[in-house]
Amino acid sequence: MESFEGPVDWSAMFAAHRPALQRAAFKVLGNVERAQDVVQDTYLKLSEAGHAFDARQPLAYLFQVVRNLAIDAQRRAALEARVFVDEEDGLQVPAGAGTPESLTVSRQDLRIVAAALAALPDRTRQAFELHRLGGHTQREIAEQFGVSVTLVNFMIRDAMTACANALYQAGR
């Protein structure tokens, strides 16, 4: 990879390498739409950073950021699949009684997640609840709060990270 001196034109770099970046994210995620979202999130992160930094090897840095965000997205999706299930997914499944141990673990996990959410700033918690529990889109939440969709995305991500960290710290 070639080294560069001076400020990096991230927009031009994204335009030139977007398909390759999406393929890199797809290798981790296995889903085209989620890979596109990760590349978009990477662009937003680097755009928000502005000229706060210059990378010696901007293309390598760009691919590393995409890879890291894709791994984070994959972990977040795994957590969501484990902790949060869409209501419709269970409509045709008979309720199982479960073992006393599994019910206890599930209740403990729910308490851990509830405590993690309660510790968040009110607006972050509300955004998460509106999106995950209320079924509102990020755009609807942004309009309701009078903020950008990007900020709502970050608030929801922060809430998911807080839940994942709380479960991880509890050994789950």
C-alpha atoms as a PDB file:
ATOM      1  CA  MET A   1       0.000   0.000   0.000  1.00  0.00           C
ATOM      2  CA  GLU A   2       1.215   3.435  -0.835  1.00  0.00           C
ATOM      3  CA  SER A   3       1.825   6.115   1.775  1.00  0.00           C
ATOM      4  CA  PHE A   4       0.389   9.602   1.402  1.00  0.00           C
ATOM      5  CA  GLU A   5       1.348  12.915   2.882  1.00  0.00           C
ATOM      6  CA  GLY A   6      -1.165  15.626   3.719  1.00  0.00           C
ATOM      7  CA  PRO A   7      -4.955  15.549   4.094  1.00  0.00           C
ATOM      8  CA  VAL A   8      -6.866  12.589   2.716  1.00  0.00           C
ATOM      9  CA  ASP A   9      -9.854  13.089   0.433  1.00  0.00           C
ATOM     10  CA  TRP A  10     -12.036  10.413   2.050  1.00  0.00           C
ATOM     11  CA  SER A  11     -14.960  11.080  -0.306  1.00  0.00           C
ATOM     12  CA  ALA A  12     -12.823  10.408  -3.375  1.00  0.00           C
ATOM     13  CA  MET A  13     -11.330   7.339  -1.752  1.00  0.00           C
ATOM     14  CA  PHE A  14     -14.809   5.973  -0.947  1.00  0.00           C
ATOM     15  CA  ALA A  15     -16.010   6.672  -4.473  1.00  0.00           C
ATOM     16  CA  ALA A  16     -13.026   4.862  -5.985  1.00  0.00           C
ATOM     17  CA  HIS A  17     -13.131   1.822  -3.678  1.00  0.00           C
ATOM     18  CA  ARG A  18     -16.759   1.439  -2.608  1.00  0.00           C
ATOM     19  CA  PRO A  19     -17.365  -1.936  -4.359  1.00  0.00           C
ATOM     20  CA  ALA A  20     -14.191  -3.420  -2.854  1.00  0.00           C
ATOM     21  CA  LEU A  21     -15.124  -2.063   0.586  1.00  0.00           C
ATOM     22  CA  GLN A  22     -18.577  -3.618   0.305  1.00  0.00           C
ATOM     23  CA  ARG A  23     -17.033  -6.962  -0.694  1.00  0.00           C
ATOM     24  CA  ALA A  24     -14.734  -6.797   2.340  1.00  0.00           C
ATOM     25  CA  ALA A  25     -17.713  -6.146   4.644  1.00  0.00           C
ATOM     26  CA  PHE A  26     -19.740  -8.862   2.897  1.00  0.00           C
ATOM     27  CA  LYS A  27     -17.017 -11.432   3.644  1.00  0.00           C
ATOM     28  CA  VAL A  28     -17.559 -10.814   7.357  1.00  0.00           C
ATOM     29  CA  LEU A  29     -21.326 -10.318   7.349  1.00  0.00           C
ATOM     30  CA  GLY A  30     -22.597 -12.539   4.532  1.00  0.00           C
ATOM     31  CA  ASN A  31     -25.328 -10.022   3.755  1.00  0.00           C
ATOM     32  CA  VAL A  32     -25.246  -7.381   1.011  1.00  0.00           C
ATOM     33  CA  GLU A  33     -27.528  -4.874   2.739  1.00  0.00           C
ATOM     34  CA  ARG A  34     -25.665  -5.062   6.036  1.00  0.00           C
ATOM     35  CA  ALA A  35     -22.352  -4.744   4.175  1.00  0.00           C
ATOM     36  CA  GLN A  36     -23.631  -1.589   2.463  1.00  0.00           C
ATOM     37  CA  ASP A  37     -24.724  -0.226   5.854  1.00  0.00           C
ATOM     38  CA  VAL A  38     -21.264  -0.863   7.313  1.00  0.00           C
ATOM     39  CA  VAL A  39     -19.565   0.943   4.427  1.00  0.00           C
ATOM     40  CA  GLN A  40     -21.976   3.863   4.883  1.00  0.00           C
ATOM     41  CA  ASP A  41     -21.283   3.925   8.643  1.00  0.00           C
ATOM     42  CA  THR A  42     -17.557   3.956   7.901  1.00  0.00           C
ATOM     43  CA  TYR A  43     -18.004   6.914   5.576  1.00  0.00           C
ATOM     44  CA  LEU A  44     -20.025   8.764   8.219  1.00  0.00           C
ATOM     45  CA  LYS A  45     -17.425   8.101  10.912  1.00  0.00           C
ATOM     46  CA  LEU A  46     -14.553   9.304   8.776  1.00  0.00           C
ATOM     47  CA  SER A  47     -16.533  12.307   7.500  1.00  0.00           C
ATOM     48  CA  GLU A  48     -17.382  13.332  11.064  1.00  0.00           C
ATOM     49  CA  ALA A  49     -13.718  13.044  12.045  1.00  0.00           C
ATOM     50  CA  GLY A  50     -12.974  15.548   9.286  1.00  0.00           C
ATOM     51  CA  HIS A  51      -9.360  16.546   9.099  1.00  0.00           C
ATOM     52  CA  ALA A  52      -8.708  15.622  12.720  1.00  0.00           C
ATOM     53  CA  PHE A  53      -6.199  13.061  11.522  1.00  0.00           C
ATOM     54  CA  ASP A  54      -4.259  12.013   8.463  1.00  0.00           C
ATOM     55  CA  ALA A  55      -3.584   8.367   7.797  1.00  0.00           C
ATOM     56  CA  ARG A  56      -0.213   7.287   6.455  1.00  0.00           C
ATOM     57  CA  GLN A  57      -1.852   4.515   4.474  1.00  0.00           C
ATOM     58  CA  PRO A  58      -5.410   5.752   4.021  1.00  0.00           C
ATOM     59  CA  LEU A  59      -6.620   2.857   1.868  1.00  0.00           C
ATOM     60  CA  ALA A  60      -5.356   0.255   4.335  1.00  0.00           C
ATOM     61  CA  TYR A  61      -6.862   2.296   7.174  1.00  0.00           C
ATOM     62  CA  LEU A  62     -10.171   2.489   5.322  1.00  0.00           C
ATOM     63  CA  PHE A  63     -10.330  -1.273   4.813  1.00  0.00           C
ATOM     64  CA  GLN A  64      -9.407  -1.877   8.465  1.00  0.00           C
ATOM     65  CA  VAL A  65     -12.188   0.440   9.675  1.00  0.00           C
ATOM     66  CA  VAL A  66     -14.691  -1.357   7.402  1.00  0.00           C
ATOM     67  CA  ARG A  67     -13.519  -4.734   8.694  1.00  0.00           C
ATOM     68  CA  ASN A  68     -13.728  -3.626  12.349  1.00  0.00           C
ATOM     69  CA  LEU A  69     -17.218  -2.168  11.900  1.00  0.00           C
ATOM     70  CA  ALA A  70     -18.350  -5.312  10.066  1.00  0.00           C
ATOM     71  CA  ILE A  71     -17.116  -7.471  12.950  1.00  0.00           C
ATOM     72  CA  ASP A  72     -18.909  -5.179  15.418  1.00  0.00           C
ATOM     73  CA  ALA A  73     -22.098  -5.408  13.335  1.00  0.00           C
ATOM     74  CA  GLN A  74     -21.852  -9.197  13.244  1.00  0.00           C
ATOM     75  CA  ARG A  75     -21.436  -9.371  17.022  1.00  0.00           C
ATOM     76  CA  ARG A  76     -24.336  -6.954  17.510  1.00  0.00           C
ATOM     77  CA  ALA A  77     -26.551  -9.052  15.218  1.00  0.00           C
ATOM     78  CA  ALA A  78     -25.643 -12.191  17.148  1.00  0.00           C
ATOM     79  CA  LEU A  79     -26.557 -10.468  20.408  1.00  0.00           C
ATOM     80  CA  GLU A  80     -29.830  -9.200  18.974  1.00  0.00           C
ATOM     81  CA  ALA A  81     -30.699 -12.664  17.734  1.00  0.00           C
ATOM     82  CA  ARG A  82     -29.972 -14.088  21.177  1.00  0.00           C
ATOM     83  CA  VAL A  83     -31.644 -11.413  23.301  1.00  0.00           C
ATOM     84  CA  PHE A  84     -34.284  -9.789  21.119  1.00  0.00           C
ATOM     85  CA  VAL A  85     -36.620 -11.834  18.954  1.00  0.00           C
ATOM     86  CA  ASP A  86     -39.168 -10.301  16.610  1.00  0.00           C
ATOM     87  CA  GLU A  87     -42.669 -10.934  17.882  1.00  0.00           C
ATOM     88  CA  GLU A  88     -43.759 -12.508  14.605  1.00  0.00           C
ATOM     89  CA  ASP A  89     -40.966 -15.102  14.797  1.00  0.00           C
ATOM     90  CA  GLY A  90     -42.744 -16.845  17.637  1.00  0.00           C
ATOM     91  CA  LEU A  91     -46.347 -16.704  16.484  1.00  0.00           C
ATOM     92  CA  GLN A  92     -46.415 -20.260  15.107  1.00  0.00           C
ATOM     93  CA  VAL A  93     -44.211 -21.821  17.771  1.00  0.00           C
ATOM     94  CA  PRO A  94     -45.826 -23.466  20.779  1.00  0.00           C
ATOM     95  CA  ALA A  95     -44.585 -22.095  24.067  1.00  0.00           C
ATOM     96  CA  GLY A  96     -42.194 -24.464  25.738  1.00  0.00           C
ATOM     97  CA  ALA A  97     -42.055 -24.651  29.482  1.00  0.00           C
ATOM     98  CA  GLY A  98     -38.260 -24.730  29.520  1.00  0.00           C
ATOM     99  CA  THR A  99     -36.199 -26.016  32.356  1.00  0.00           C
ATOM    100  CA  PRO A 100     -36.073 -24.167  35.647  1.00  0.00           C
ATOM    101  CA  GLU A 101     -32.404 -23.412  34.953  1.00  0.00           C
ATOM    102  CA  SER A 102     -33.070 -21.949  31.495  1.00  0.00           C
ATOM    103  CA  LEU A 103     -35.939 -19.853  32.828  1.00  0.00           C
ATOM    104  CA  THR A 104     -33.719 -18.537  35.617  1.00  0.00           C
ATOM    105  CA  VAL A 105     -30.928 -17.672  33.179  1.00  0.00           C
ATOM    106  CA  SER A 106     -33.403 -15.930  30.854  1.00  0.00           C
ATOM    107  CA  ARG A 107     -34.811 -13.887  33.715  1.00  0.00           C
ATOM    108  CA  GLN A 108     -31.315 -12.981  34.876  1.00  0.00           C
ATOM    109  CA  ASP A 109     -30.376 -11.911  31.337  1.00  0.00           C
ATOM    110  CA  LEU A 110     -33.518  -9.790  31.157  1.00  0.00           C
ATOM    111  CA  ARG A 111     -32.659  -8.115  34.485  1.00  0.00           C
ATOM    112  CA  ILE A 112     -29.104  -7.444  33.279  1.00  0.00           C
ATOM    113  CA  VAL A 113     -30.356  -5.882  30.035  1.00  0.00           C
ATOM    114  CA  ALA A 114     -33.004  -3.839  31.884  1.00  0.00           C
ATOM    115  CA  ALA A 115     -30.370  -2.507  34.304  1.00  0.00           C
ATOM    116  CA  ALA A 116     -28.029  -1.632  31.419  1.00  0.00           C
ATOM    117  CA  LEU A 117     -30.822   0.255  29.659  1.00  0.00           C
ATOM    118  CA  ALA A 118     -31.816   2.060  32.863  1.00  0.00           C
ATOM    119  CA  ALA A 119     -28.228   3.324  33.240  1.00  0.00           C
ATOM    120  CA  LEU A 120     -28.263   4.973  29.798  1.00  0.00           C
ATOM    121  CA  PRO A 121     -29.071   8.638  29.177  1.00  0.00           C
ATOM    122  CA  ASP A 122     -32.841   9.043  28.846  1.00  0.00           C
ATOM    123  CA  ARG A 123     -32.788  10.011  25.167  1.00  0.00           C
ATOM    124  CA  THR A 124     -30.561   7.062  24.233  1.00  0.00           C
ATOM    125  CA  ARG A 125     -32.782   4.643  26.146  1.00  0.00           C
ATOM    126  CA  GLN A 126     -35.926   6.134  24.617  1.00  0.00           C
ATOM    127  CA  ALA A 127     -34.501   5.927  21.088  1.00  0.00           C
ATOM    128  CA  PHE A 128     -33.596   2.283  21.650  1.00  0.00           C
ATOM    129  CA  GLU A 129     -37.006   1.432  23.106  1.00  0.00           C
ATOM    130  CA  LEU A 130     -38.873   3.228  20.330  1.00  0.00           C
ATOM    131  CA  HIS A 131     -36.839   1.414  17.689  1.00  0.00           C
ATOM    132  CA  ARG A 132     -36.508  -2.094  19.146  1.00  0.00           C
ATOM    133  CA  LEU A 133     -39.727  -2.342  21.158  1.00  0.00           C
ATOM    134  CA  GLY A 134     -41.973   0.209  19.493  1.00  0.00           C
ATOM    135  CA  GLY A 135     -41.074  -0.655  15.907  1.00  0.00           C
ATOM    136  CA  HIS A 136     -40.369   2.945  14.939  1.00  0.00           C
ATOM    137  CA  THR A 137     -37.909   3.666  12.155  1.00  0.00           C
ATOM    138  CA  GLN A 138     -34.766   5.634  12.876  1.00  0.00           C
ATOM    139  CA  ARG A 139     -36.098   8.421  10.666  1.00  0.00           C
ATOM    140  CA  GLU A 140     -39.312   8.636  12.729  1.00  0.00           C
ATOM    141  CA  ILE A 141     -37.312   8.779  15.953  1.00  0.00           C
ATOM    142  CA  ALA A 142     -35.011  11.453  14.523  1.00  0.00           C
ATOM    143  CA  GLU A 143     -38.009  13.600  13.581  1.00  0.00           C
ATOM    144  CA  GLN A 144     -39.574  13.089  17.016  1.00  0.00           C
ATOM    145  CA  PHE A 145     -36.340  14.059  18.825  1.00  0.00           C
ATOM    146  CA  GLY A 146     -35.371  16.788  16.351  1.00  0.00           C
ATOM    147  CA  VAL A 147     -31.966  15.200  15.642  1.00  0.00           C
ATOM    148  CA  SER A 148     -30.244  13.538  12.684  1.00  0.00           C
ATOM    149  CA  VAL A 149     -30.851   9.941  11.677  1.00  0.00           C
ATOM    150  CA  THR A 150     -27.121   9.374  12.160  1.00  0.00           C
ATOM    151  CA  LEU A 151     -27.362  10.447  15.795  1.00  0.00           C
ATOM    152  CA  VAL A 152     -30.322   8.095  16.336  1.00  0.00           C
ATOM    153  CA  ASN A 153     -28.293   5.293  14.743  1.00  0.00           C
ATOM    154  CA  PHE A 154     -25.441   5.994  17.175  1.00  0.00           C
ATOM    155  CA  MET A 155     -27.816   6.119  20.161  1.00  0.00           C
ATOM    156  CA  ILE A 156     -29.300   2.735  19.249  1.00  0.00           C
ATOM    157  CA  ARG A 157     -25.826   1.321  18.696  1.00  0.00           C
ATOM    158  CA  ASP A 158     -24.688   2.677  22.071  1.00  0.00           C
ATOM    159  CA  ALA A 159     -27.666   1.033  23.783  1.00  0.00           C
ATOM    160  CA  MET A 160     -26.943  -2.302  22.078  1.00  0.00           C
ATOM    161  CA  THR A 161     -23.288  -2.035  23.077  1.00  0.00           C
ATOM    162  CA  ALA A 162     -24.270  -1.297  26.680  1.00  0.00           C
ATOM    163  CA  CYS A 163     -26.520  -4.384  26.739  1.00  0.00           C
ATOM    164  CA  ALA A 164     -23.823  -6.565  25.173  1.00  0.00           C
ATOM    165  CA  ASN A 165     -21.185  -5.302  27.602  1.00  0.00           C
ATOM    166  CA  ALA A 166     -23.453  -5.887  30.593  1.00  0.00           C
ATOM    167  CA  LEU A 167     -24.157  -9.452  29.478  1.00  0.00           C
ATOM    168  CA  TYR A 168     -20.474 -10.044  28.764  1.00  0.00           C
ATOM    169  CA  GLN A 169     -19.480  -8.757  32.209  1.00  0.00           C
ATOM    170  CA  ALA A 170     -22.056 -11.093  33.736  1.00  0.00           C
ATOM    171  CA  GLY A 171     -20.425 -13.990  31.911  1.00  0.00           C
ATOM    172  CA  ARG A 172     -23.203 -14.523  29.382  1.00  0.00           C
END
